[in-house]
Amino acid sequence: MSFVYYTFFYDPLYKTLAFLLKILPLADIGLAVIILTITVRLILFPLSRKAVLTQMRMTELAPELEVIREKYKDKPEEQARKTLSLYQEKRVNPFSGIFVILIQIPIIFALYHIFLSLAKSDGINTLFLGFFDISGKSIILSVLAGLSTYFQFKVSSASSREPKGNSFGDNLTRSMQVQMKYFFPLVMFFVSYSTSAVIALYFVTTNLFSIAQEFYVRRGLPFKGQSPKA
């Protein structure tokens, strides 16, 4: 497992970040992290785009899924079979966005360990834009990480259909949506503040990129009413 971590995450990110520090003026590690984060997100863009389109397709399928849930509410096995059949018929993978989330976990760990290593080196400018010392904690960047997480979720869920029923599944979905909208930004704030300002900067950059990506993908879709294709 450590071989995979160092070969595919730590070493490439470390070399790229070290290269950016050599060519950037004043060796600003904050700017280097922003450029590196955008580069990583551009590489992941095809997967992220597919996740956005899948979310929109799931919203379109919501009425049909509701019919299936209502029709087979007393037959859970049949309900699951019909639901999977609908996904296959419409060529929708509801789990396509999970990989984009999971792959960021080793990236965050790698960036954190890399920064701890570079912060001990001489000649590294830890003042981001001359204001924020990202070698420690930053309440401002942590707050921005939380706020950008909130707006990123708000933008991504703008087209989501809120469940209107009173079934257990509908109530659970509504509860999850509320938690994601309000609780998750708080988690991002505390994670950012308890680790390092560089992680907060990574979250802010990632969230802003995701918001821009959401608008870009939606803008390139066909006219309203036509199904988006991945």
C-alpha atoms as a PDB file:
ATOM      1  CA  MET A   1       0.000   0.000   0.000  1.00  0.00           C
ATOM      2  CA  SER A   2       2.846   2.378   0.820  1.00  0.00           C
ATOM      3  CA  PHE A   3       4.358   1.655  -2.614  1.00  0.00           C
ATOM      4  CA  VAL A   4       1.168   2.844  -4.316  1.00  0.00           C
ATOM      5  CA  TYR A   5       0.981   5.920  -2.074  1.00  0.00           C
ATOM      6  CA  TYR A   6       4.568   7.042  -2.720  1.00  0.00           C
ATOM      7  CA  THR A   7       4.706   6.022  -6.388  1.00  0.00           C
ATOM      8  CA  PHE A   8       1.427   7.524  -7.585  1.00  0.00           C
ATOM      9  CA  PHE A   9       0.783  10.331  -5.102  1.00  0.00           C
ATOM     10  CA  TYR A  10       3.626  11.489  -2.860  1.00  0.00           C
ATOM     11  CA  ASP A  11       6.582  11.390  -5.277  1.00  0.00           C
ATOM     12  CA  PRO A  12       4.814  12.986  -8.308  1.00  0.00           C
ATOM     13  CA  LEU A  13       3.277  15.723  -6.150  1.00  0.00           C
ATOM     14  CA  TYR A  14       6.561  16.359  -4.327  1.00  0.00           C
ATOM     15  CA  LYS A  15       8.547  16.678  -7.562  1.00  0.00           C
ATOM     16  CA  THR A  16       5.914  18.908  -9.151  1.00  0.00           C
ATOM     17  CA  LEU A  17       5.702  21.160  -6.108  1.00  0.00           C
ATOM     18  CA  ALA A  18       9.499  21.387  -5.858  1.00  0.00           C
ATOM     19  CA  PHE A  19       9.660  22.321  -9.549  1.00  0.00           C
ATOM     20  CA  LEU A  20       7.033  25.031  -9.112  1.00  0.00           C
ATOM     21  CA  LEU A  21       8.929  26.481  -6.159  1.00  0.00           C
ATOM     22  CA  LYS A  22      12.010  26.813  -8.366  1.00  0.00           C
ATOM     23  CA  ILE A  23      10.274  28.720 -11.148  1.00  0.00           C
ATOM     24  CA  LEU A  24       7.808  30.846  -9.150  1.00  0.00           C
ATOM     25  CA  PRO A  25       8.899  34.305  -7.980  1.00  0.00           C
ATOM     26  CA  LEU A  26       9.863  34.436  -4.286  1.00  0.00           C
ATOM     27  CA  ALA A  27       9.280  30.658  -4.106  1.00  0.00           C
ATOM     28  CA  ASP A  28       5.759  31.275  -2.770  1.00  0.00           C
ATOM     29  CA  ILE A  29       4.574  27.844  -1.634  1.00  0.00           C
ATOM     30  CA  GLY A  30       0.990  29.095  -1.485  1.00  0.00           C
ATOM     31  CA  LEU A  31       0.962  29.903  -5.210  1.00  0.00           C
ATOM     32  CA  ALA A  32       2.676  26.580  -5.879  1.00  0.00           C
ATOM     33  CA  VAL A  33      -0.064  24.713  -4.007  1.00  0.00           C
ATOM     34  CA  ILE A  34      -2.779  26.582  -5.947  1.00  0.00           C
ATOM     35  CA  ILE A  35      -1.167  25.781  -9.306  1.00  0.00           C
ATOM     36  CA  LEU A  36      -0.607  22.168  -8.285  1.00  0.00           C
ATOM     37  CA  THR A  37      -4.213  21.821  -7.081  1.00  0.00           C
ATOM     38  CA  ILE A  38      -5.611  23.241 -10.328  1.00  0.00           C
ATOM     39  CA  THR A  39      -3.342  20.905 -12.314  1.00  0.00           C
ATOM     40  CA  VAL A  40      -4.603  17.886 -10.367  1.00  0.00           C
ATOM     41  CA  ARG A  41      -8.219  18.986 -10.804  1.00  0.00           C
ATOM     42  CA  LEU A  42      -7.716  19.408 -14.561  1.00  0.00           C
ATOM     43  CA  ILE A  43      -6.377  15.859 -14.722  1.00  0.00           C
ATOM     44  CA  LEU A  44      -9.443  14.653 -12.820  1.00  0.00           C
ATOM     45  CA  PHE A  45     -11.798  16.793 -14.917  1.00  0.00           C
ATOM     46  CA  PRO A  46     -13.155  13.948 -17.113  1.00  0.00           C
ATOM     47  CA  LEU A  47     -14.176  12.014 -13.987  1.00  0.00           C
ATOM     48  CA  SER A  48     -15.568  15.143 -12.326  1.00  0.00           C
ATOM     49  CA  ARG A  49     -17.553  16.026 -15.434  1.00  0.00           C
ATOM     50  CA  LYS A  50     -19.045  12.540 -15.506  1.00  0.00           C
ATOM     51  CA  ALA A  51     -20.011  12.900 -11.829  1.00  0.00           C
ATOM     52  CA  VAL A  52     -21.810  16.204 -12.533  1.00  0.00           C
ATOM     53  CA  LEU A  53     -23.691  14.723 -15.482  1.00  0.00           C
ATOM     54  CA  THR A  54     -24.618  11.659 -13.420  1.00  0.00           C
ATOM     55  CA  GLN A  55     -26.063  13.879 -10.706  1.00  0.00           C
ATOM     56  CA  MET A  56     -28.196  15.653 -13.302  1.00  0.00           C
ATOM     57  CA  ARG A  57     -29.363  12.350 -14.775  1.00  0.00           C
ATOM     58  CA  MET A  58     -30.281  11.155 -11.275  1.00  0.00           C
ATOM     59  CA  THR A  59     -32.411  14.273 -10.861  1.00  0.00           C
ATOM     60  CA  GLU A  60     -34.189  13.511 -14.139  1.00  0.00           C
ATOM     61  CA  LEU A  61     -34.838   9.944 -13.022  1.00  0.00           C
ATOM     62  CA  ALA A  62     -36.224  10.993  -9.633  1.00  0.00           C
ATOM     63  CA  PRO A  63     -39.925  10.790 -10.699  1.00  0.00           C
ATOM     64  CA  GLU A  64     -39.443   7.282 -12.132  1.00  0.00           C
ATOM     65  CA  LEU A  65     -37.545   6.185  -9.032  1.00  0.00           C
ATOM     66  CA  GLU A  66     -40.354   7.547  -6.878  1.00  0.00           C
ATOM     67  CA  VAL A  67     -42.884   5.486  -8.858  1.00  0.00           C
ATOM     68  CA  ILE A  68     -40.783   2.355  -8.311  1.00  0.00           C
ATOM     69  CA  ARG A  69     -40.429   3.024  -4.584  1.00  0.00           C
ATOM     70  CA  GLU A  70     -44.155   3.575  -4.204  1.00  0.00           C
ATOM     71  CA  LYS A  71     -45.174   0.620  -6.331  1.00  0.00           C
ATOM     72  CA  TYR A  72     -42.833  -1.856  -4.636  1.00  0.00           C
ATOM     73  CA  LYS A  73     -42.665  -0.384  -1.146  1.00  0.00           C
ATOM     74  CA  ASP A  74     -43.712  -3.729   0.348  1.00  0.00           C
ATOM     75  CA  LYS A  75     -41.287  -5.688  -1.842  1.00  0.00           C
ATOM     76  CA  PRO A  76     -37.769  -4.371  -1.123  1.00  0.00           C
ATOM     77  CA  GLU A  77     -36.002  -6.996  -3.259  1.00  0.00           C
ATOM     78  CA  GLU A  78     -38.183  -6.251  -6.270  1.00  0.00           C
ATOM     79  CA  GLN A  79     -37.766  -2.523  -5.667  1.00  0.00           C
ATOM     80  CA  ALA A  80     -33.973  -2.902  -5.708  1.00  0.00           C
ATOM     81  CA  ARG A  81     -34.116  -5.017  -8.879  1.00  0.00           C
ATOM     82  CA  LYS A  82     -36.344  -2.514 -10.693  1.00  0.00           C
ATOM     83  CA  THR A  83     -34.132   0.373  -9.578  1.00  0.00           C
ATOM     84  CA  LEU A  84     -30.974  -1.305 -10.879  1.00  0.00           C
ATOM     85  CA  SER A  85     -32.796  -2.155 -14.091  1.00  0.00           C
ATOM     86  CA  LEU A  86     -33.723   1.509 -14.562  1.00  0.00           C
ATOM     87  CA  TYR A  87     -30.104   2.576 -13.988  1.00  0.00           C
ATOM     88  CA  GLN A  88     -28.926   0.063 -16.575  1.00  0.00           C
ATOM     89  CA  GLU A  89     -31.591   1.097 -19.068  1.00  0.00           C
ATOM     90  CA  LYS A  90     -30.691   4.789 -18.733  1.00  0.00           C
ATOM     91  CA  ARG A  91     -26.952   4.010 -18.506  1.00  0.00           C
ATOM     92  CA  VAL A  92     -26.534   5.783 -15.188  1.00  0.00           C
ATOM     93  CA  ASN A  93     -23.973   4.812 -12.568  1.00  0.00           C
ATOM     94  CA  PRO A  94     -25.029   6.429  -9.264  1.00  0.00           C
ATOM     95  CA  PHE A  95     -21.594   5.725  -7.773  1.00  0.00           C
ATOM     96  CA  SER A  96     -19.525   7.420 -10.474  1.00  0.00           C
ATOM     97  CA  GLY A  97     -18.775  10.440  -8.284  1.00  0.00           C
ATOM     98  CA  ILE A  98     -17.360   8.439  -5.387  1.00  0.00           C
ATOM     99  CA  PHE A  99     -13.992   7.866  -7.075  1.00  0.00           C
ATOM    100  CA  VAL A 100     -13.410  11.623  -7.420  1.00  0.00           C
ATOM    101  CA  ILE A 101     -13.921  11.973  -3.657  1.00  0.00           C
ATOM    102  CA  LEU A 102     -11.837   8.956  -2.686  1.00  0.00           C
ATOM    103  CA  ILE A 103      -8.858   9.868  -4.852  1.00  0.00           C
ATOM    104  CA  GLN A 104      -8.556  13.228  -3.094  1.00  0.00           C
ATOM    105  CA  ILE A 105      -7.892  11.561   0.273  1.00  0.00           C
ATOM    106  CA  PRO A 106      -4.344  10.358  -0.543  1.00  0.00           C
ATOM    107  CA  ILE A 107      -3.712  13.665  -2.321  1.00  0.00           C
ATOM    108  CA  ILE A 108      -4.560  15.592   0.871  1.00  0.00           C
ATOM    109  CA  PHE A 109      -2.344  13.328   2.974  1.00  0.00           C
ATOM    110  CA  ALA A 110       0.494  13.628   0.454  1.00  0.00           C
ATOM    111  CA  LEU A 111       0.253  17.431   0.321  1.00  0.00           C
ATOM    112  CA  TYR A 112       0.242  17.613   4.112  1.00  0.00           C
ATOM    113  CA  HIS A 113       3.336  15.412   4.470  1.00  0.00           C
ATOM    114  CA  ILE A 114       5.097  17.180   1.605  1.00  0.00           C
ATOM    115  CA  PHE A 115       4.490  20.563   3.172  1.00  0.00           C
ATOM    116  CA  LEU A 116       5.812  19.398   6.533  1.00  0.00           C
ATOM    117  CA  SER A 117       8.973  18.312   4.739  1.00  0.00           C
ATOM    118  CA  LEU A 118       9.380  21.478   2.666  1.00  0.00           C
ATOM    119  CA  ALA A 119       8.585  23.770   5.591  1.00  0.00           C
ATOM    120  CA  LYS A 120      11.769  22.569   7.278  1.00  0.00           C
ATOM    121  CA  SER A 121      13.874  23.439   4.235  1.00  0.00           C
ATOM    122  CA  ASP A 122      15.778  26.690   3.924  1.00  0.00           C
ATOM    123  CA  GLY A 123      14.755  29.237   1.329  1.00  0.00           C
ATOM    124  CA  ILE A 124      11.068  28.309   1.291  1.00  0.00           C
ATOM    125  CA  ASN A 125       8.744  31.283   1.505  1.00  0.00           C
ATOM    126  CA  THR A 126       5.816  30.220   3.701  1.00  0.00           C
ATOM    127  CA  LEU A 127       4.077  33.598   3.391  1.00  0.00           C
ATOM    128  CA  PHE A 128       1.268  33.229   0.871  1.00  0.00           C
ATOM    129  CA  LEU A 129       1.023  36.497  -1.097  1.00  0.00           C
ATOM    130  CA  GLY A 130       3.045  38.069   1.708  1.00  0.00           C
ATOM    131  CA  PHE A 131       0.126  37.864   4.174  1.00  0.00           C
ATOM    132  CA  PHE A 132      -0.727  34.332   5.312  1.00  0.00           C
ATOM    133  CA  ASP A 133       1.921  32.203   6.952  1.00  0.00           C
ATOM    134  CA  ILE A 134       0.725  28.771   5.848  1.00  0.00           C
ATOM    135  CA  SER A 135       3.369  26.966   7.865  1.00  0.00           C
ATOM    136  CA  GLY A 136       0.889  27.082  10.762  1.00  0.00           C
ATOM    137  CA  LYS A 137      -2.830  27.588  11.203  1.00  0.00           C
ATOM    138  CA  SER A 138      -4.923  30.304   9.603  1.00  0.00           C
ATOM    139  CA  ILE A 139      -8.394  31.128  10.880  1.00  0.00           C
ATOM    140  CA  ILE A 140      -9.091  33.209   7.756  1.00  0.00           C
ATOM    141  CA  LEU A 141      -8.219  30.452   5.288  1.00  0.00           C
ATOM    142  CA  SER A 142     -10.080  27.920   7.443  1.00  0.00           C
ATOM    143  CA  VAL A 143     -13.235  30.079   7.385  1.00  0.00           C
ATOM    144  CA  LEU A 144     -12.868  30.466   3.619  1.00  0.00           C
ATOM    145  CA  ALA A 145     -12.548  26.682   3.330  1.00  0.00           C
ATOM    146  CA  GLY A 146     -15.833  26.248   5.210  1.00  0.00           C
ATOM    147  CA  LEU A 147     -17.667  28.961   3.274  1.00  0.00           C
ATOM    148  CA  SER A 148     -16.436  27.753  -0.118  1.00  0.00           C
ATOM    149  CA  THR A 149     -17.544  24.223   0.814  1.00  0.00           C
ATOM    150  CA  TYR A 150     -21.038  25.554   1.597  1.00  0.00           C
ATOM    151  CA  PHE A 151     -21.323  27.435  -1.711  1.00  0.00           C
ATOM    152  CA  GLN A 152     -19.866  24.516  -3.661  1.00  0.00           C
ATOM    153  CA  PHE A 153     -22.543  22.202  -2.270  1.00  0.00           C
ATOM    154  CA  LYS A 154     -25.241  24.816  -2.874  1.00  0.00           C
ATOM    155  CA  VAL A 155     -24.228  25.177  -6.526  1.00  0.00           C
ATOM    156  CA  SER A 156     -23.886  21.428  -7.112  1.00  0.00           C
ATOM    157  CA  SER A 157     -27.291  20.698  -5.554  1.00  0.00           C
ATOM    158  CA  ALA A 158     -29.117  23.539  -7.322  1.00  0.00           C
ATOM    159  CA  SER A 159     -30.764  21.150  -9.773  1.00  0.00           C
ATOM    160  CA  SER A 160     -31.381  18.378  -7.271  1.00  0.00           C
ATOM    161  CA  ARG A 161     -34.970  17.376  -6.659  1.00  0.00           C
ATOM    162  CA  GLU A 162     -35.914  17.493  -2.987  1.00  0.00           C
ATOM    163  CA  PRO A 163     -37.932  14.446  -1.874  1.00  0.00           C
ATOM    164  CA  LYS A 164     -41.537  15.367  -1.124  1.00  0.00           C
ATOM    165  CA  GLY A 165     -42.724  12.126   0.412  1.00  0.00           C
ATOM    166  CA  ASN A 166     -42.763  11.091   4.051  1.00  0.00           C
ATOM    167  CA  SER A 167     -41.236   7.657   3.657  1.00  0.00           C
ATOM    168  CA  PHE A 168     -38.154   6.629   5.611  1.00  0.00           C
ATOM    169  CA  GLY A 169     -36.013   6.957   2.488  1.00  0.00           C
ATOM    170  CA  ASP A 170     -37.306  10.450   1.713  1.00  0.00           C
ATOM    171  CA  ASN A 171     -36.800  11.617   5.289  1.00  0.00           C
ATOM    172  CA  LEU A 172     -33.294  10.138   5.308  1.00  0.00           C
ATOM    173  CA  THR A 173     -32.453  11.862   2.024  1.00  0.00           C
ATOM    174  CA  ARG A 174     -33.665  15.229   3.314  1.00  0.00           C
ATOM    175  CA  SER A 175     -31.677  14.741   6.520  1.00  0.00           C
ATOM    176  CA  MET A 176     -28.523  13.919   4.540  1.00  0.00           C
ATOM    177  CA  GLN A 177     -28.982  16.969   2.338  1.00  0.00           C
ATOM    178  CA  VAL A 178     -29.281  19.252   5.367  1.00  0.00           C
ATOM    179  CA  GLN A 179     -26.216  17.686   6.998  1.00  0.00           C
ATOM    180  CA  MET A 180     -24.171  18.011   3.824  1.00  0.00           C
ATOM    181  CA  LYS A 181     -25.214  21.621   3.372  1.00  0.00           C
ATOM    182  CA  TYR A 182     -24.572  22.859   6.918  1.00  0.00           C
ATOM    183  CA  PHE A 183     -22.590  20.227   8.836  1.00  0.00           C
ATOM    184  CA  PHE A 184     -19.996  19.345   6.196  1.00  0.00           C
ATOM    185  CA  PRO A 185     -18.737  22.957   5.832  1.00  0.00           C
ATOM    186  CA  LEU A 186     -18.163  22.982   9.606  1.00  0.00           C
ATOM    187  CA  VAL A 187     -16.204  19.748   9.302  1.00  0.00           C
ATOM    188  CA  MET A 188     -14.065  21.316   6.567  1.00  0.00           C
ATOM    189  CA  PHE A 189     -13.429  24.320   8.789  1.00  0.00           C
ATOM    190  CA  PHE A 190     -12.291  22.215  11.751  1.00  0.00           C
ATOM    191  CA  VAL A 191     -10.186  19.887   9.576  1.00  0.00           C
ATOM    192  CA  SER A 192      -8.525  22.876   7.909  1.00  0.00           C
ATOM    193  CA  TYR A 193      -7.819  24.640  11.180  1.00  0.00           C
ATOM    194  CA  SER A 194      -6.643  21.547  13.054  1.00  0.00           C
ATOM    195  CA  THR A 195      -4.154  20.515  10.369  1.00  0.00           C
ATOM    196  CA  SER A 196      -2.473  23.333   8.481  1.00  0.00           C
ATOM    197  CA  ALA A 197      -3.250  26.433   6.464  1.00  0.00           C
ATOM    198  CA  VAL A 198      -1.918  24.708   3.362  1.00  0.00           C
ATOM    199  CA  ILE A 199      -4.721  22.146   3.619  1.00  0.00           C
ATOM    200  CA  ALA A 200      -7.230  25.006   3.988  1.00  0.00           C
ATOM    201  CA  LEU A 201      -5.749  26.596   0.868  1.00  0.00           C
ATOM    202  CA  TYR A 202      -6.121  23.286  -0.954  1.00  0.00           C
ATOM    203  CA  PHE A 203      -9.796  23.052   0.042  1.00  0.00           C
ATOM    204  CA  VAL A 204     -10.513  26.651  -0.988  1.00  0.00           C
ATOM    205  CA  THR A 205      -8.859  26.161  -4.380  1.00  0.00           C
ATOM    206  CA  THR A 206     -10.602  22.823  -4.939  1.00  0.00           C
ATOM    207  CA  ASN A 207     -14.022  24.227  -4.036  1.00  0.00           C
ATOM    208  CA  LEU A 208     -13.649  27.292  -6.267  1.00  0.00           C
ATOM    209  CA  PHE A 209     -12.498  25.060  -9.120  1.00  0.00           C
ATOM    210  CA  SER A 210     -15.489  22.770  -8.543  1.00  0.00           C
ATOM    211  CA  ILE A 211     -17.906  25.722  -8.647  1.00  0.00           C
ATOM    212  CA  ALA A 212     -16.379  26.971 -11.905  1.00  0.00           C
ATOM    213  CA  GLN A 213     -16.437  23.426 -13.282  1.00  0.00           C
ATOM    214  CA  GLU A 214     -20.127  23.048 -12.411  1.00  0.00           C
ATOM    215  CA  PHE A 215     -21.054  26.204 -14.321  1.00  0.00           C
ATOM    216  CA  TYR A 216     -18.825  25.205 -17.244  1.00  0.00           C
ATOM    217  CA  VAL A 217     -20.342  21.729 -17.578  1.00  0.00           C
ATOM    218  CA  ARG A 218     -23.911  23.009 -17.273  1.00  0.00           C
ATOM    219  CA  ARG A 219     -23.257  25.760 -19.816  1.00  0.00           C
ATOM    220  CA  GLY A 220     -22.110  23.188 -22.363  1.00  0.00           C
ATOM    221  CA  LEU A 221     -25.244  21.056 -22.027  1.00  0.00           C
ATOM    222  CA  PRO A 222     -27.919  20.903 -24.741  1.00  0.00           C
ATOM    223  CA  PHE A 223     -31.169  22.783 -24.440  1.00  0.00           C
ATOM    224  CA  LYS A 224     -33.310  22.225 -21.365  1.00  0.00           C
ATOM    225  CA  GLY A 225     -35.335  19.054 -21.471  1.00  0.00           C
ATOM    226  CA  GLN A 226     -32.772  17.048 -23.440  1.00  0.00           C
ATOM    227  CA  SER A 227     -30.892  14.402 -21.483  1.00  0.00           C
ATOM    228  CA  PRO A 228     -27.207  15.210 -20.863  1.00  0.00           C
ATOM    229  CA  LYS A 229     -24.787  12.576 -22.086  1.00  0.00           C
ATOM    230  CA  ALA A 230     -21.541  11.685 -20.349  1.00  0.00           C
END
